[in-house]
Amino acid sequence: MKIYTKTGDTGETSLYGGQRVAKTNIRIEACGQVDELNSSIGLARSLGLRDEVGSLLHRIQNGLFVLGADLATPPSKKTKAERITASQIDFLEKSIDAFQGELEPLTYFILPGGSPGAAALHLSRTICRRAERFCIRCAETEDISNEAVIYLNRLSDLLFVLTRLENKHAGIRESKWKVR
């Protein structure tokens, strides 16, 4: 099978189910934001994160493909497309709670950085926040699932916790934000 299909040469692509839309369609842009997030998590994983974190992120990357399919398919459309579910959101919340239990409470803002893996996770967190904002904007005009937005919100929180955890295990102190 060839990687190129030539069907996008006129600036259009297909949603799940075959509907053709412009590549600038807000729904396609939302999918692109999630794709960028997934790629950034892949980069973070390549930087030698602890096995427990790497395995969790591998699972999340698979979930982001589900999220992409969810965003590419209006909830009202009757298809067999996978959807983000409350149980996936619950999994993120339980992961946050478990990992946060290993950390000292945070009483100040921290600067992004630390170990290469933690710094990459900070970047993934900010990409996730952008994807969330974009999906909220998309929801203003398009029919997208509420769970998609909630999933991204929880995922950005989890990525923040994982940055702190990676720095802790690397023996790197968090850099406190200081007002001049």
C-alpha atoms as a PDB file:
ATOM      1  CA  MET A   1       0.000   0.000   0.000  1.00  0.00           C
ATOM      2  CA  LYS A   2       1.363   3.419  -0.915  1.00  0.00           C
ATOM      3  CA  ILE A   3       1.580   6.080   1.759  1.00  0.00           C
ATOM      4  CA  TYR A   4       0.309   8.765  -0.588  1.00  0.00           C
ATOM      5  CA  THR A   5      -3.259   8.658  -1.844  1.00  0.00           C
ATOM      6  CA  LYS A   6      -3.411  11.978  -3.711  1.00  0.00           C
ATOM      7  CA  THR A   7      -6.928  12.487  -2.285  1.00  0.00           C
ATOM      8  CA  GLY A   8      -5.720  15.453  -0.224  1.00  0.00           C
ATOM      9  CA  ASP A   9      -4.054  17.298  -3.075  1.00  0.00           C
ATOM     10  CA  THR A  10      -6.970  19.719  -3.402  1.00  0.00           C
ATOM     11  CA  GLY A  11      -6.896  20.742   0.276  1.00  0.00           C
ATOM     12  CA  GLU A  12      -9.547  18.335   1.496  1.00  0.00           C
ATOM     13  CA  THR A  13      -9.467  15.271   3.726  1.00  0.00           C
ATOM     14  CA  SER A  14     -12.000  12.816   5.114  1.00  0.00           C
ATOM     15  CA  LEU A  15     -13.637  12.668   8.494  1.00  0.00           C
ATOM     16  CA  TYR A  16     -14.328   9.283  10.034  1.00  0.00           C
ATOM     17  CA  GLY A  17     -17.183   7.903   7.961  1.00  0.00           C
ATOM     18  CA  GLY A  18     -16.006   9.448   4.701  1.00  0.00           C
ATOM     19  CA  GLN A  19     -17.354  13.013   4.755  1.00  0.00           C
ATOM     20  CA  ARG A  20     -14.933  15.278   2.855  1.00  0.00           C
ATOM     21  CA  VAL A  21     -13.959  18.561   4.523  1.00  0.00           C
ATOM     22  CA  ALA A  22     -11.322  21.238   4.051  1.00  0.00           C
ATOM     23  CA  LYS A  23      -8.001  20.532   5.765  1.00  0.00           C
ATOM     24  CA  THR A  24      -8.563  23.866   7.519  1.00  0.00           C
ATOM     25  CA  ASN A  25     -11.825  22.580   9.056  1.00  0.00           C
ATOM     26  CA  ILE A  26     -11.856  23.214  12.801  1.00  0.00           C
ATOM     27  CA  ARG A  27     -12.481  19.523  13.505  1.00  0.00           C
ATOM     28  CA  ILE A  28      -9.391  18.579  11.458  1.00  0.00           C
ATOM     29  CA  GLU A  29      -7.356  21.212  13.282  1.00  0.00           C
ATOM     30  CA  ALA A  30      -8.456  19.720  16.613  1.00  0.00           C
ATOM     31  CA  CYS A  31      -7.267  16.313  15.408  1.00  0.00           C
ATOM     32  CA  GLY A  32      -3.966  17.891  14.391  1.00  0.00           C
ATOM     33  CA  GLN A  33      -3.512  19.392  17.851  1.00  0.00           C
ATOM     34  CA  VAL A  34      -4.008  15.949  19.400  1.00  0.00           C
ATOM     35  CA  ASP A  35      -1.580  14.432  16.886  1.00  0.00           C
ATOM     36  CA  GLU A  36       1.058  17.006  17.859  1.00  0.00           C
ATOM     37  CA  LEU A  37       0.450  16.191  21.528  1.00  0.00           C
ATOM     38  CA  ASN A  38       0.879  12.483  20.819  1.00  0.00           C
ATOM     39  CA  SER A  39       4.153  13.138  18.988  1.00  0.00           C
ATOM     40  CA  SER A  40       5.477  15.274  21.841  1.00  0.00           C
ATOM     41  CA  ILE A  41       4.698  12.500  24.313  1.00  0.00           C
ATOM     42  CA  GLY A  42       6.571  10.101  22.031  1.00  0.00           C
ATOM     43  CA  LEU A  43       9.546  12.449  22.161  1.00  0.00           C
ATOM     44  CA  ALA A  44       9.364  12.570  25.959  1.00  0.00           C
ATOM     45  CA  ARG A  45       9.257   8.763  26.091  1.00  0.00           C
ATOM     46  CA  SER A  46      12.401   8.582  23.962  1.00  0.00           C
ATOM     47  CA  LEU A  47      14.352  10.540  26.577  1.00  0.00           C
ATOM     48  CA  GLY A  48      14.612   7.696  29.062  1.00  0.00           C
ATOM     49  CA  LEU A  49      11.727   8.181  31.448  1.00  0.00           C
ATOM     50  CA  ARG A  50      11.290   5.672  34.226  1.00  0.00           C
ATOM     51  CA  ASP A  51       9.627   2.449  33.049  1.00  0.00           C
ATOM     52  CA  GLU A  52       6.458   3.080  35.058  1.00  0.00           C
ATOM     53  CA  VAL A  53       6.007   6.500  33.469  1.00  0.00           C
ATOM     54  CA  GLY A  54       6.958   5.281  29.993  1.00  0.00           C
ATOM     55  CA  SER A  55       4.378   2.488  30.168  1.00  0.00           C
ATOM     56  CA  LEU A  56       1.692   4.898  31.339  1.00  0.00           C
ATOM     57  CA  LEU A  57       2.494   7.310  28.518  1.00  0.00           C
ATOM     58  CA  HIS A  58       2.403   4.461  25.989  1.00  0.00           C
ATOM     59  CA  ARG A  59      -1.150   3.706  27.142  1.00  0.00           C
ATOM     60  CA  ILE A  60      -2.027   7.403  26.913  1.00  0.00           C
ATOM     61  CA  GLN A  61      -0.652   7.594  23.372  1.00  0.00           C
ATOM     62  CA  ASN A  62      -3.031   4.812  22.375  1.00  0.00           C
ATOM     63  CA  GLY A  63      -5.836   6.745  24.070  1.00  0.00           C
ATOM     64  CA  LEU A  64      -4.948   9.832  22.052  1.00  0.00           C
ATOM     65  CA  PHE A  65      -5.655   7.876  18.870  1.00  0.00           C
ATOM     66  CA  VAL A  66      -9.101   7.150  20.295  1.00  0.00           C
ATOM     67  CA  LEU A  67      -9.465  10.852  21.056  1.00  0.00           C
ATOM     68  CA  GLY A  68      -8.528  11.694  17.453  1.00  0.00           C
ATOM     69  CA  ALA A  69     -11.205   9.327  16.145  1.00  0.00           C
ATOM     70  CA  ASP A  70     -13.687  10.807  18.618  1.00  0.00           C
ATOM     71  CA  LEU A  71     -12.936  14.348  17.448  1.00  0.00           C
ATOM     72  CA  ALA A  72     -13.171  13.313  13.785  1.00  0.00           C
ATOM     73  CA  THR A  73     -16.659  11.913  14.318  1.00  0.00           C
ATOM     74  CA  PRO A  74     -19.627  13.982  15.496  1.00  0.00           C
ATOM     75  CA  PRO A  75     -21.249  12.285  18.522  1.00  0.00           C
ATOM     76  CA  SER A  76     -24.599  12.262  16.707  1.00  0.00           C
ATOM     77  CA  LYS A  77     -23.137  10.195  13.860  1.00  0.00           C
ATOM     78  CA  LYS A  78     -23.920   6.514  14.300  1.00  0.00           C
ATOM     79  CA  THR A  79     -20.614   4.741  13.675  1.00  0.00           C
ATOM     80  CA  LYS A  80     -18.366   2.202  15.290  1.00  0.00           C
ATOM     81  CA  ALA A  81     -15.771   4.882  16.046  1.00  0.00           C
ATOM     82  CA  GLU A  82     -14.205   4.543  19.458  1.00  0.00           C
ATOM     83  CA  ARG A  83     -14.994   7.302  21.921  1.00  0.00           C
ATOM     84  CA  ILE A  84     -13.340   8.708  24.996  1.00  0.00           C
ATOM     85  CA  THR A  85     -15.255   7.379  27.986  1.00  0.00           C
ATOM     86  CA  ALA A  86     -15.706   8.292  31.612  1.00  0.00           C
ATOM     87  CA  SER A  87     -13.592   5.260  32.562  1.00  0.00           C
ATOM     88  CA  GLN A  88     -10.615   6.676  30.622  1.00  0.00           C
ATOM     89  CA  ILE A  89     -11.003   9.967  32.467  1.00  0.00           C
ATOM     90  CA  ASP A  90     -11.265   8.067  35.749  1.00  0.00           C
ATOM     91  CA  PHE A  91      -8.018   6.239  34.902  1.00  0.00           C
ATOM     92  CA  LEU A  92      -6.248   9.584  34.475  1.00  0.00           C
ATOM     93  CA  GLU A  93      -7.639  10.849  37.786  1.00  0.00           C
ATOM     94  CA  LYS A  94      -6.513   7.713  39.629  1.00  0.00           C
ATOM     95  CA  SER A  95      -3.070   8.020  38.070  1.00  0.00           C
ATOM     96  CA  ILE A  96      -2.841  11.656  39.168  1.00  0.00           C
ATOM     97  CA  ASP A  97      -3.829  10.734  42.721  1.00  0.00           C
ATOM     98  CA  ALA A  98      -1.352   7.846  42.897  1.00  0.00           C
ATOM     99  CA  PHE A  99       1.624   9.790  41.575  1.00  0.00           C
ATOM    100  CA  GLN A 100       0.797  12.984  43.436  1.00  0.00           C
ATOM    101  CA  GLY A 101       0.928  10.971  46.654  1.00  0.00           C
ATOM    102  CA  GLU A 102       4.669  10.563  46.062  1.00  0.00           C
ATOM    103  CA  LEU A 103       5.242  14.321  45.861  1.00  0.00           C
ATOM    104  CA  GLU A 104       5.499  17.140  48.352  1.00  0.00           C
ATOM    105  CA  PRO A 105       2.561  19.551  48.211  1.00  0.00           C
ATOM    106  CA  LEU A 106       3.264  22.484  45.931  1.00  0.00           C
ATOM    107  CA  THR A 107       2.887  25.931  47.503  1.00  0.00           C
ATOM    108  CA  TYR A 108       4.470  28.009  44.732  1.00  0.00           C
ATOM    109  CA  PHE A 109       4.729  28.179  40.951  1.00  0.00           C
ATOM    110  CA  ILE A 110       7.598  26.289  39.354  1.00  0.00           C
ATOM    111  CA  LEU A 111       9.504  27.020  36.175  1.00  0.00           C
ATOM    112  CA  PRO A 112       9.331  24.342  33.472  1.00  0.00           C
ATOM    113  CA  GLY A 113      12.540  22.364  33.099  1.00  0.00           C
ATOM    114  CA  GLY A 114      14.683  19.905  34.975  1.00  0.00           C
ATOM    115  CA  SER A 115      15.731  16.605  33.480  1.00  0.00           C
ATOM    116  CA  PRO A 116      15.404  16.202  29.700  1.00  0.00           C
ATOM    117  CA  GLY A 117      12.400  13.905  30.187  1.00  0.00           C
ATOM    118  CA  ALA A 118      10.687  16.278  32.611  1.00  0.00           C
ATOM    119  CA  ALA A 119      11.333  19.260  30.338  1.00  0.00           C
ATOM    120  CA  ALA A 120       9.806  17.334  27.413  1.00  0.00           C
ATOM    121  CA  LEU A 121       6.789  16.461  29.566  1.00  0.00           C
ATOM    122  CA  HIS A 122       6.373  20.153  30.406  1.00  0.00           C
ATOM    123  CA  LEU A 123       6.271  20.852  26.672  1.00  0.00           C
ATOM    124  CA  SER A 124       3.699  18.066  26.222  1.00  0.00           C
ATOM    125  CA  ARG A 125       1.649  19.626  29.027  1.00  0.00           C
ATOM    126  CA  THR A 126       1.541  22.982  27.259  1.00  0.00           C
ATOM    127  CA  ILE A 127       0.652  21.343  23.937  1.00  0.00           C
ATOM    128  CA  CYS A 128      -2.115  19.480  25.767  1.00  0.00           C
ATOM    129  CA  ARG A 129      -3.465  22.741  27.179  1.00  0.00           C
ATOM    130  CA  ARG A 130      -3.467  24.254  23.683  1.00  0.00           C
ATOM    131  CA  ALA A 131      -5.281  21.204  22.311  1.00  0.00           C
ATOM    132  CA  GLU A 132      -7.836  21.546  25.112  1.00  0.00           C
ATOM    133  CA  ARG A 133      -8.408  25.232  24.325  1.00  0.00           C
ATOM    134  CA  PHE A 134      -8.764  24.426  20.663  1.00  0.00           C
ATOM    135  CA  CYS A 135     -11.304  21.670  21.359  1.00  0.00           C
ATOM    136  CA  ILE A 136     -13.302  24.074  23.516  1.00  0.00           C
ATOM    137  CA  ARG A 137     -13.284  26.531  20.609  1.00  0.00           C
ATOM    138  CA  CYS A 138     -14.286  23.698  18.265  1.00  0.00           C
ATOM    139  CA  ALA A 139     -17.209  22.822  20.548  1.00  0.00           C
ATOM    140  CA  GLU A 140     -18.572  26.340  20.071  1.00  0.00           C
ATOM    141  CA  THR A 141     -19.511  25.486  16.474  1.00  0.00           C
ATOM    142  CA  GLU A 142     -19.162  21.708  16.155  1.00  0.00           C
ATOM    143  CA  ASP A 143     -20.729  18.739  17.869  1.00  0.00           C
ATOM    144  CA  ILE A 144     -17.902  17.140  19.886  1.00  0.00           C
ATOM    145  CA  SER A 145     -18.098  15.018  22.988  1.00  0.00           C
ATOM    146  CA  ASN A 146     -17.750  16.604  26.427  1.00  0.00           C
ATOM    147  CA  GLU A 147     -15.476  13.735  27.413  1.00  0.00           C
ATOM    148  CA  ALA A 148     -12.901  14.812  24.816  1.00  0.00           C
ATOM    149  CA  VAL A 149     -12.397  18.170  26.528  1.00  0.00           C
ATOM    150  CA  ILE A 150     -12.441  16.683  30.026  1.00  0.00           C
ATOM    151  CA  TYR A 151      -9.889  14.039  28.984  1.00  0.00           C
ATOM    152  CA  LEU A 152      -7.469  16.710  27.765  1.00  0.00           C
ATOM    153  CA  ASN A 153      -7.947  18.727  30.949  1.00  0.00           C
ATOM    154  CA  ARG A 154      -7.103  15.736  33.145  1.00  0.00           C
ATOM    155  CA  LEU A 155      -4.241  14.695  30.897  1.00  0.00           C
ATOM    156  CA  SER A 156      -2.555  18.090  31.238  1.00  0.00           C
ATOM    157  CA  ASP A 157      -2.828  17.761  35.019  1.00  0.00           C
ATOM    158  CA  LEU A 158      -1.298  14.290  34.867  1.00  0.00           C
ATOM    159  CA  LEU A 159       1.549  15.505  32.668  1.00  0.00           C
ATOM    160  CA  PHE A 160       2.306  18.219  35.228  1.00  0.00           C
ATOM    161  CA  VAL A 161       2.437  15.670  38.036  1.00  0.00           C
ATOM    162  CA  LEU A 162       4.680  13.428  35.933  1.00  0.00           C
ATOM    163  CA  THR A 163       7.140  16.281  35.324  1.00  0.00           C
ATOM    164  CA  ARG A 164       7.476  16.778  39.048  1.00  0.00           C
ATOM    165  CA  LEU A 165       7.843  13.059  39.645  1.00  0.00           C
ATOM    166  CA  GLU A 166      10.532  12.677  36.972  1.00  0.00           C
ATOM    167  CA  ASN A 167      12.524  15.534  38.458  1.00  0.00           C
ATOM    168  CA  LYS A 168      12.165  14.094  41.943  1.00  0.00           C
ATOM    169  CA  HIS A 169      13.471  10.697  40.836  1.00  0.00           C
ATOM    170  CA  ALA A 170      16.311  12.369  38.922  1.00  0.00           C
ATOM    171  CA  GLY A 171      17.288  14.259  42.085  1.00  0.00           C
ATOM    172  CA  ILE A 172      16.596  17.622  40.453  1.00  0.00           C
ATOM    173  CA  ARG A 173      15.050  20.342  42.587  1.00  0.00           C
ATOM    174  CA  GLU A 174      12.155  22.253  41.114  1.00  0.00           C
ATOM    175  CA  SER A 175      13.024  25.791  40.137  1.00  0.00           C
ATOM    176  CA  LYS A 176      10.759  28.175  42.030  1.00  0.00           C
ATOM    177  CA  TRP A 177       9.284  31.121  40.152  1.00  0.00           C
ATOM    178  CA  LYS A 178      10.459  34.354  41.756  1.00  0.00           C
ATOM    179  CA  VAL A 179       8.965  37.780  41.264  1.00  0.00           C
ATOM    180  CA  ARG A 180      11.610  40.419  40.725  1.00  0.00           C
END
